[in-house]
Each structure stands twice: as structure tokens, then as C-alpha cells.
Amino acid sequence: MVKRLHEVWESEDGSVSMFLRGAKGWREILPPNARRIHVFEAESAFEAFRTFYRLMGWGEWRPLQGMEDKPYPNSTP
């Protein structure tokens, strides 16, 4: 399976955002003073959200009922 890098950014107001590294346009929505606080690898979006929640101390992330986890494709985003 392909693992992709994800970044977690924090703004001065304490808000946090997670992005798939290399995704287009994500940096433009953050304020200029945002700082990267975590980088991690995941094989799917579900794994990324589980890791993100764990890193932030928010407990266990669970997908909405009926949502299916799919591994990331071999091609780049």
C-alpha cells in the first residue's frame, strides 16, 4: 500500500487543520502565521483522520455509518 504524508498546521487562534502534503491550494487557506506542528504518514484518509485525532488528543475518530475506507491510489494527488 502507498503511504502519503500529511501535515497538521496550527494558527495563532488555536485552530488546527490537516492536509495531504502536495494537495493543491491548501496553504492559501491558512493565515501566514500558521505553523506546522505534526507530519505523519497514512495509507488512507481514514487512517489519516484516526492519526490526526490521536495526535490532537481528541479520542477515537470514527467515520460516518456507511462510509468505506479506501487505500490511497499509487498515483500522486
PDB file of N, CA and C in Angstrom:
ATOM      1  N   MET A   1       0.833  -1.191   0.000  1.00  0.00           N
ATOM      2  CA  MET A   1       0.000   0.000   0.000  1.00  0.00           C
ATOM      3  C   MET A   1       0.872   1.246   0.000  1.00  0.00           C
ATOM      4  N   VAL A   2       0.338   2.290  -0.571  1.00  0.00           N
ATOM      5  CA  VAL A   2       1.050   3.556  -0.672  1.00  0.00           C
ATOM      6  C   VAL A   2       0.778   4.397   0.575  1.00  0.00           C
ATOM      7  N   LYS A   3       1.828   4.908   1.176  1.00  0.00           N
ATOM      8  CA  LYS A   3       1.666   5.825   2.305  1.00  0.00           C
ATOM      9  C   LYS A   3       1.888   7.242   1.803  1.00  0.00           C
ATOM     10  N   ARG A   4       1.065   8.153   2.270  1.00  0.00           N
ATOM     11  CA  ARG A   4       1.177   9.566   1.894  1.00  0.00           C
ATOM     12  C   ARG A   4       1.444  10.395   3.144  1.00  0.00           C
ATOM     13  N   LEU A   5       2.210  11.463   2.955  1.00  0.00           N
ATOM     14  CA  LEU A   5       2.494  12.373   4.061  1.00  0.00           C
ATOM     15  C   LEU A   5       1.332  13.329   4.280  1.00  0.00           C
ATOM     16  N   HIS A   6       1.049  13.589   5.549  1.00  0.00           N
ATOM     17  CA  HIS A   6       0.019  14.530   5.961  1.00  0.00           C
ATOM     18  C   HIS A   6       0.658  15.530   6.913  1.00  0.00           C
ATOM     19  N   GLU A   7       0.163  16.746   6.888  1.00  0.00           N
ATOM     20  CA  GLU A   7       0.681  17.788   7.768  1.00  0.00           C
ATOM     21  C   GLU A   7      -0.462  18.360   8.594  1.00  0.00           C
ATOM     22  N   VAL A   8      -0.147  18.671   9.854  1.00  0.00           N
ATOM     23  CA  VAL A   8      -1.107  19.333  10.738  1.00  0.00           C
ATOM     24  C   VAL A   8      -0.542  20.716  11.032  1.00  0.00           C
ATOM     25  N   TRP A   9      -1.383  21.732  10.806  1.00  0.00           N
ATOM     26  CA  TRP A   9      -0.983  23.121  10.989  1.00  0.00           C
ATOM     27  C   TRP A   9      -1.847  23.776  12.059  1.00  0.00           C
ATOM     28  N   GLU A  10      -1.229  24.672  12.822  1.00  0.00           N
ATOM     29  CA  GLU A  10      -1.951  25.407  13.863  1.00  0.00           C
ATOM     30  C   GLU A  10      -1.818  26.908  13.618  1.00  0.00           C
ATOM     31  N   SER A  11      -2.931  27.609  13.762  1.00  0.00           N
ATOM     32  CA  SER A  11      -2.948  29.072  13.628  1.00  0.00           C
ATOM     33  C   SER A  11      -2.836  29.707  15.005  1.00  0.00           C
ATOM     34  N   GLU A  12      -2.532  30.999  15.051  1.00  0.00           N
ATOM     35  CA  GLU A  12      -2.403  31.703  16.323  1.00  0.00           C
ATOM     36  C   GLU A  12      -3.656  31.613  17.181  1.00  0.00           C
ATOM     37  N   ASP A  13      -4.811  31.503  16.549  1.00  0.00           N
ATOM     38  CA  ASP A  13      -6.063  31.426  17.307  1.00  0.00           C
ATOM     39  C   ASP A  13      -6.327  30.039  17.877  1.00  0.00           C
ATOM     40  N   GLY A  14      -5.413  29.098  17.648  1.00  0.00           N
ATOM     41  CA  GLY A  14      -5.536  27.751  18.177  1.00  0.00           C
ATOM     42  C   GLY A  14      -6.244  26.770  17.255  1.00  0.00           C
ATOM     43  N   SER A  15      -6.764  27.232  16.134  1.00  0.00           N
ATOM     44  CA  SER A  15      -7.416  26.320  15.196  1.00  0.00           C
ATOM     45  C   SER A  15      -6.359  25.455  14.506  1.00  0.00           C
ATOM     46  N   VAL A  16      -6.747  24.224  14.192  1.00  0.00           N
ATOM     47  CA  VAL A  16      -5.824  23.300  13.543  1.00  0.00           C
ATOM     48  C   VAL A  16      -6.454  22.750  12.263  1.00  0.00           C
ATOM     49  N   SER A  17      -5.597  22.426  11.321  1.00  0.00           N
ATOM     50  CA  SER A  17      -6.031  21.875  10.035  1.00  0.00           C
ATOM     51  C   SER A  17      -5.068  20.776   9.632  1.00  0.00           C
ATOM     52  N   MET A  18      -5.602  19.738   8.984  1.00  0.00           N
ATOM     53  CA  MET A  18      -4.785  18.650   8.467  1.00  0.00           C
ATOM     54  C   MET A  18      -4.906  18.644   6.950  1.00  0.00           C
ATOM     55  N   PHE A  19      -3.771  18.447   6.278  1.00  0.00           N
ATOM     56  CA  PHE A  19      -3.751  18.429   4.825  1.00  0.00           C
ATOM     57  C   PHE A  19      -2.886  17.296   4.323  1.00  0.00           C
ATOM     58  N   LEU A  20      -3.235  16.764   3.193  1.00  0.00           N
ATOM     59  CA  LEU A  20      -2.398  15.809   2.479  1.00  0.00           C
ATOM     60  C   LEU A  20      -1.285  16.623   1.831  1.00  0.00           C
ATOM     61  N   ARG A  21      -0.055  16.290   2.139  1.00  0.00           N
ATOM     62  CA  ARG A  21       1.067  17.057   1.579  1.00  0.00           C
ATOM     63  C   ARG A  21       1.008  16.976   0.062  1.00  0.00           C
ATOM     64  N   GLY A  22       1.144  18.116  -0.576  1.00  0.00           N
ATOM     65  CA  GLY A  22       1.124  18.179  -2.026  1.00  0.00           C
ATOM     66  C   GLY A  22      -0.237  18.496  -2.610  1.00  0.00           C
ATOM     67  N   ALA A  23      -1.278  18.503  -1.772  1.00  0.00           N
ATOM     68  CA  ALA A  23      -2.614  18.851  -2.264  1.00  0.00           C
ATOM     69  C   ALA A  23      -2.626  20.316  -2.683  1.00  0.00           C
ATOM     70  N   LYS A  24      -3.256  20.598  -3.801  1.00  0.00           N
ATOM     71  CA  LYS A  24      -3.242  21.958  -4.340  1.00  0.00           C
ATOM     72  C   LYS A  24      -4.146  22.900  -3.543  1.00  0.00           C
ATOM     73  N   GLY A  25      -3.651  24.111  -3.309  1.00  0.00           N
ATOM     74  CA  GLY A  25      -4.441  25.182  -2.731  1.00  0.00           C
ATOM     75  C   GLY A  25      -4.606  25.171  -1.227  1.00  0.00           C
ATOM     76  N   TRP A  26      -4.099  24.157  -0.527  1.00  0.00           N
ATOM     77  CA  TRP A  26      -4.347  24.089   0.907  1.00  0.00           C
ATOM     78  C   TRP A  26      -3.652  25.191   1.680  1.00  0.00           C
ATOM     79  N   ARG A  27      -2.444  25.547   1.298  1.00  0.00           N
ATOM     80  CA  ARG A  27      -1.675  26.548   2.065  1.00  0.00           C
ATOM     81  C   ARG A  27      -2.321  27.936   1.983  1.00  0.00           C
ATOM     82  N   GLU A  28      -3.006  28.230   0.892  1.00  0.00           N
ATOM     83  CA  GLU A  28      -3.618  29.553   0.726  1.00  0.00           C
ATOM     84  C   GLU A  28      -4.761  29.796   1.710  1.00  0.00           C
ATOM     85  N   ILE A  29      -5.359  28.757   2.250  1.00  0.00           N
ATOM     86  CA  ILE A  29      -6.470  28.973   3.185  1.00  0.00           C
ATOM     87  C   ILE A  29      -5.990  29.189   4.623  1.00  0.00           C
ATOM     88  N   LEU A  30      -4.685  28.985   4.860  1.00  0.00           N
ATOM     89  CA  LEU A  30      -4.145  29.204   6.197  1.00  0.00           C
ATOM     90  C   LEU A  30      -3.614  30.620   6.337  1.00  0.00           C
ATOM     91  N   PRO A  31      -3.695  31.192   7.530  1.00  0.00           N
ATOM     92  CA  PRO A  31      -3.092  32.510   7.731  1.00  0.00           C
ATOM     93  C   PRO A  31      -1.565  32.414   7.607  1.00  0.00           C
ATOM     94  N   PRO A  32      -0.927  33.511   7.278  1.00  0.00           N
ATOM     95  CA  PRO A  32       0.528  33.479   7.063  1.00  0.00           C
ATOM     96  C   PRO A  32       1.323  33.051   8.292  1.00  0.00           C
ATOM     97  N   ASN A  33       0.760  33.236   9.486  1.00  0.00           N
ATOM     98  CA  ASN A  33       1.484  32.913  10.716  1.00  0.00           C
ATOM     99  C   ASN A  33       1.256  31.479  11.188  1.00  0.00           C
ATOM    100  N   ALA A  34       0.543  30.662  10.434  1.00  0.00           N
ATOM    101  CA  ALA A  34       0.299  29.274  10.822  1.00  0.00           C
ATOM    102  C   ALA A  34       1.625  28.516  10.868  1.00  0.00           C
ATOM    103  N   ARG A  35       1.685  27.555  11.768  1.00  0.00           N
ATOM    104  CA  ARG A  35       2.918  26.764  11.881  1.00  0.00           C
ATOM    105  C   ARG A  35       2.584  25.280  11.825  1.00  0.00           C
ATOM    106  N   ARG A  36       3.465  24.524  11.202  1.00  0.00           N
ATOM    107  CA  ARG A  36       3.289  23.083  11.106  1.00  0.00           C
ATOM    108  C   ARG A  36       3.648  22.460  12.448  1.00  0.00           C
ATOM    109  N   ILE A  37       2.753  21.616  12.988  1.00  0.00           N
ATOM    110  CA  ILE A  37       3.007  21.015  14.295  1.00  0.00           C
ATOM    111  C   ILE A  37       3.185  19.496  14.231  1.00  0.00           C
ATOM    112  N   HIS A  38       2.743  18.862  13.161  1.00  0.00           N
ATOM    113  CA  HIS A  38       2.907  17.409  13.011  1.00  0.00           C
ATOM    114  C   HIS A  38       3.030  17.057  11.527  1.00  0.00           C
ATOM    115  N   VAL A  39       3.790  16.014  11.269  1.00  0.00           N
ATOM    116  CA  VAL A  39       3.855  15.387   9.945  1.00  0.00           C
ATOM    117  C   VAL A  39       3.772  13.883  10.201  1.00  0.00           C
ATOM    118  N   PHE A  40       2.928  13.192   9.448  1.00  0.00           N
ATOM    119  CA  PHE A  40       2.801  11.751   9.622  1.00  0.00           C
ATOM    120  C   PHE A  40       2.402  11.109   8.307  1.00  0.00           C
ATOM    121  N   GLU A  41       2.573   9.783   8.234  1.00  0.00           N
ATOM    122  CA  GLU A  41       2.196   9.019   7.055  1.00  0.00           C
ATOM    123  C   GLU A  41       0.908   8.248   7.332  1.00  0.00           C
ATOM    124  N   ALA A  42       0.125   8.065   6.280  1.00  0.00           N
ATOM    125  CA  ALA A  42      -1.080   7.241   6.372  1.00  0.00           C
ATOM    126  C   ALA A  42      -1.330   6.588   5.014  1.00  0.00           C
ATOM    127  N   GLU A  43      -1.997   5.434   5.057  1.00  0.00           N
ATOM    128  CA  GLU A  43      -2.299   4.693   3.834  1.00  0.00           C
ATOM    129  C   GLU A  43      -3.680   5.004   3.282  1.00  0.00           C
ATOM    130  N   SER A  44      -4.505   5.735   4.043  1.00  0.00           N
ATOM    131  CA  SER A  44      -5.856   6.079   3.597  1.00  0.00           C
ATOM    132  C   SER A  44      -6.327   7.315   4.368  1.00  0.00           C
ATOM    133  N   ALA A  45      -7.405   7.897   3.906  1.00  0.00           N
ATOM    134  CA  ALA A  45      -7.974   9.055   4.604  1.00  0.00           C
ATOM    135  C   ALA A  45      -8.445   8.664   5.995  1.00  0.00           C
ATOM    136  N   PHE A  46      -9.013   7.469   6.137  1.00  0.00           N
ATOM    137  CA  PHE A  46      -9.477   7.022   7.460  1.00  0.00           C
ATOM    138  C   PHE A  46      -8.302   6.917   8.428  1.00  0.00           C
ATOM    139  N   GLU A  47      -7.209   6.318   7.978  1.00  0.00           N
ATOM    140  CA  GLU A  47      -6.031   6.216   8.833  1.00  0.00           C
ATOM    141  C   GLU A  47      -5.511   7.609   9.184  1.00  0.00           C
ATOM    142  N   ALA A  48      -5.555   8.531   8.221  1.00  0.00           N
ATOM    143  CA  ALA A  48      -5.098   9.901   8.471  1.00  0.00           C
ATOM    144  C   ALA A  48      -5.951  10.569   9.548  1.00  0.00           C
ATOM    145  N   PHE A  49      -7.268  10.436   9.453  1.00  0.00           N
ATOM    146  CA  PHE A  49      -8.132  11.050  10.462  1.00  0.00           C
ATOM    147  C   PHE A  49      -7.954  10.401  11.833  1.00  0.00           C
ATOM    148  N   ARG A  50      -7.774   9.093  11.872  1.00  0.00           N
ATOM    149  CA  ARG A  50      -7.534   8.429  13.164  1.00  0.00           C
ATOM    150  C   ARG A  50      -6.247   8.950  13.798  1.00  0.00           C
ATOM    151  N   THR A  51      -5.197   9.069  12.985  1.00  0.00           N
ATOM    152  CA  THR A  51      -3.916   9.568  13.488  1.00  0.00           C
ATOM    153  C   THR A  51      -4.041  11.028  13.933  1.00  0.00           C
ATOM    154  N   PHE A  52      -4.696  11.849  13.131  1.00  0.00           N
ATOM    155  CA  PHE A  52      -4.911  13.259  13.450  1.00  0.00           C
ATOM    156  C   PHE A  52      -5.621  13.410  14.801  1.00  0.00           C
ATOM    157  N   TYR A  53      -6.701  12.685  14.996  1.00  0.00           N
ATOM    158  CA  TYR A  53      -7.438  12.757  16.265  1.00  0.00           C
ATOM    159  C   TYR A  53      -6.565  12.317  17.436  1.00  0.00           C
ATOM    160  N   ARG A  54      -5.807  11.238  17.241  1.00  0.00           N
ATOM    161  CA  ARG A  54      -4.927  10.764  18.317  1.00  0.00           C
ATOM    162  C   ARG A  54      -3.872  11.814  18.668  1.00  0.00           C
ATOM    163  N   LEU A  55      -3.240  12.402  17.647  1.00  0.00           N
ATOM    164  CA  LEU A  55      -2.219  13.433  17.879  1.00  0.00           C
ATOM    165  C   LEU A  55      -2.779  14.642  18.615  1.00  0.00           C
ATOM    166  N   MET A  56      -4.024  14.993  18.311  1.00  0.00           N
ATOM    167  CA  MET A  56      -4.635  16.164  18.926  1.00  0.00           C
ATOM    168  C   MET A  56      -5.262  15.853  20.286  1.00  0.00           C
ATOM    169  N   GLY A  57      -5.312  14.581  20.663  1.00  0.00           N
ATOM    170  CA  GLY A  57      -5.894  14.201  21.944  1.00  0.00           C
ATOM    171  C   GLY A  57      -7.412  14.262  21.957  1.00  0.00           C
ATOM    172  N   TRP A  58      -8.025  14.053  20.823  1.00  0.00           N
ATOM    173  CA  TRP A  58      -9.474  14.176  20.683  1.00  0.00           C
ATOM    174  C   TRP A  58     -10.201  12.842  20.809  1.00  0.00           C
ATOM    175  N   GLY A  59      -9.520  11.791  21.158  1.00  0.00           N
ATOM    176  CA  GLY A  59     -10.163  10.492  21.255  1.00  0.00           C
ATOM    177  C   GLY A  59     -10.130   9.754  19.934  1.00  0.00           C
ATOM    178  N   GLU A  60     -11.018   8.769  19.810  1.00  0.00           N
ATOM    179  CA  GLU A  60     -11.037   7.924  18.623  1.00  0.00           C
ATOM    180  C   GLU A  60     -11.923   8.517  17.534  1.00  0.00           C
ATOM    181  N   TRP A  61     -11.372   8.657  16.320  1.00  0.00           N
ATOM    182  CA  TRP A  61     -12.161   9.121  15.173  1.00  0.00           C
ATOM    183  C   TRP A  61     -12.910   7.941  14.594  1.00  0.00           C
ATOM    184  N   ARG A  62     -14.167   8.164  14.275  1.00  0.00           N
ATOM    185  CA  ARG A  62     -14.989   7.124  13.652  1.00  0.00           C
ATOM    186  C   ARG A  62     -15.672   7.723  12.426  1.00  0.00           C
ATOM    187  N   PRO A  63     -15.663   6.994  11.327  1.00  0.00           N
ATOM    188  CA  PRO A  63     -16.325   7.501  10.116  1.00  0.00           C
ATOM    189  C   PRO A  63     -17.840   7.451  10.273  1.00  0.00           C
ATOM    190  N   LEU A  64     -18.524   8.209   9.442  1.00  0.00           N
ATOM    191  CA  LEU A  64     -19.977   8.138   9.415  1.00  0.00           C
ATOM    192  C   LEU A  64     -20.405   6.748   8.975  1.00  0.00           C
ATOM    193  N   GLN A  65     -21.533   6.312   9.461  1.00  0.00           N
ATOM    194  CA  GLN A  65     -22.036   4.985   9.111  1.00  0.00           C
ATOM    195  C   GLN A  65     -22.192   4.865   7.594  1.00  0.00           C
ATOM    196  N   GLY A  66     -21.714   3.766   7.068  1.00  0.00           N
ATOM    197  CA  GLY A  66     -21.826   3.502   5.635  1.00  0.00           C
ATOM    198  C   GLY A  66     -20.653   3.992   4.811  1.00  0.00           C
ATOM    199  N   MET A  67     -19.773   4.804   5.391  1.00  0.00           N
ATOM    200  CA  MET A  67     -18.598   5.260   4.649  1.00  0.00           C
ATOM    201  C   MET A  67     -17.593   4.119   4.556  1.00  0.00           C
ATOM    202  N   GLU A  68     -16.925   4.024   3.416  1.00  0.00           N
ATOM    203  CA  GLU A  68     -15.971   2.948   3.178  1.00  0.00           C
ATOM    204  C   GLU A  68     -14.557   3.511   3.096  1.00  0.00           C
ATOM    205  N   ASP A  69     -13.643   2.851   3.776  1.00  0.00           N
ATOM    206  CA  ASP A  69     -12.237   3.247   3.721  1.00  0.00           C
ATOM    207  C   ASP A  69     -11.607   2.659   2.469  1.00  0.00           C
ATOM    208  N   LYS A  70     -10.856   3.475   1.760  1.00  0.00           N
ATOM    209  CA  LYS A  70     -10.161   3.021   0.558  1.00  0.00           C
ATOM    210  C   LYS A  70      -8.717   3.457   0.651  1.00  0.00           C
ATOM    211  N   PRO A  71      -7.767   2.565   0.339  1.00  0.00           N
ATOM    212  CA  PRO A  71      -6.359   2.972   0.357  1.00  0.00           C
ATOM    213  C   PRO A  71      -6.095   4.021  -0.718  1.00  0.00           C
ATOM    214  N   TYR A  72      -5.073   4.824  -0.465  1.00  0.00           N
ATOM    215  CA  TYR A  72      -4.690   5.811  -1.461  1.00  0.00           C
ATOM    216  C   TYR A  72      -4.208   5.112  -2.734  1.00  0.00           C
ATOM    217  N   PRO A  73      -4.510   5.675  -3.888  1.00  0.00           N
ATOM    218  CA  PRO A  73      -4.040   5.084  -5.154  1.00  0.00           C
ATOM    219  C   PRO A  73      -2.525   5.290  -5.290  1.00  0.00           C
ATOM    220  N   ASN A  74      -1.926   4.553  -6.184  1.00  0.00           N
ATOM    221  CA  ASN A  74      -0.486   4.659  -6.418  1.00  0.00           C
ATOM    222  C   ASN A  74      -0.073   5.976  -7.046  1.00  0.00           C
ATOM    223  N   SER A  75      -0.994   6.672  -7.731  1.00  0.00           N
ATOM    224  CA  SER A  75      -0.634   7.938  -8.357  1.00  0.00           C
ATOM    225  C   SER A  75      -0.602   9.053  -7.320  1.00  0.00           C
ATOM    226  N   THR A  76       0.084  10.136  -7.632  1.00  0.00           N
ATOM    227  CA  THR A  76       0.190  11.259  -6.707  1.00  0.00           C
ATOM    228  C   THR A  76      -1.088  12.101  -6.759  1.00  0.00           C
ATOM    229  N   PRO A  77      -1.374  12.840  -5.653  1.00  0.00           N
ATOM    230  CA  PRO A  77      -2.608  13.652  -5.623  1.00  0.00           C
ATOM    231  C   PRO A  77      -2.622  14.759  -6.636  1.00  0.00           C
TER     232      PRO A  77
END
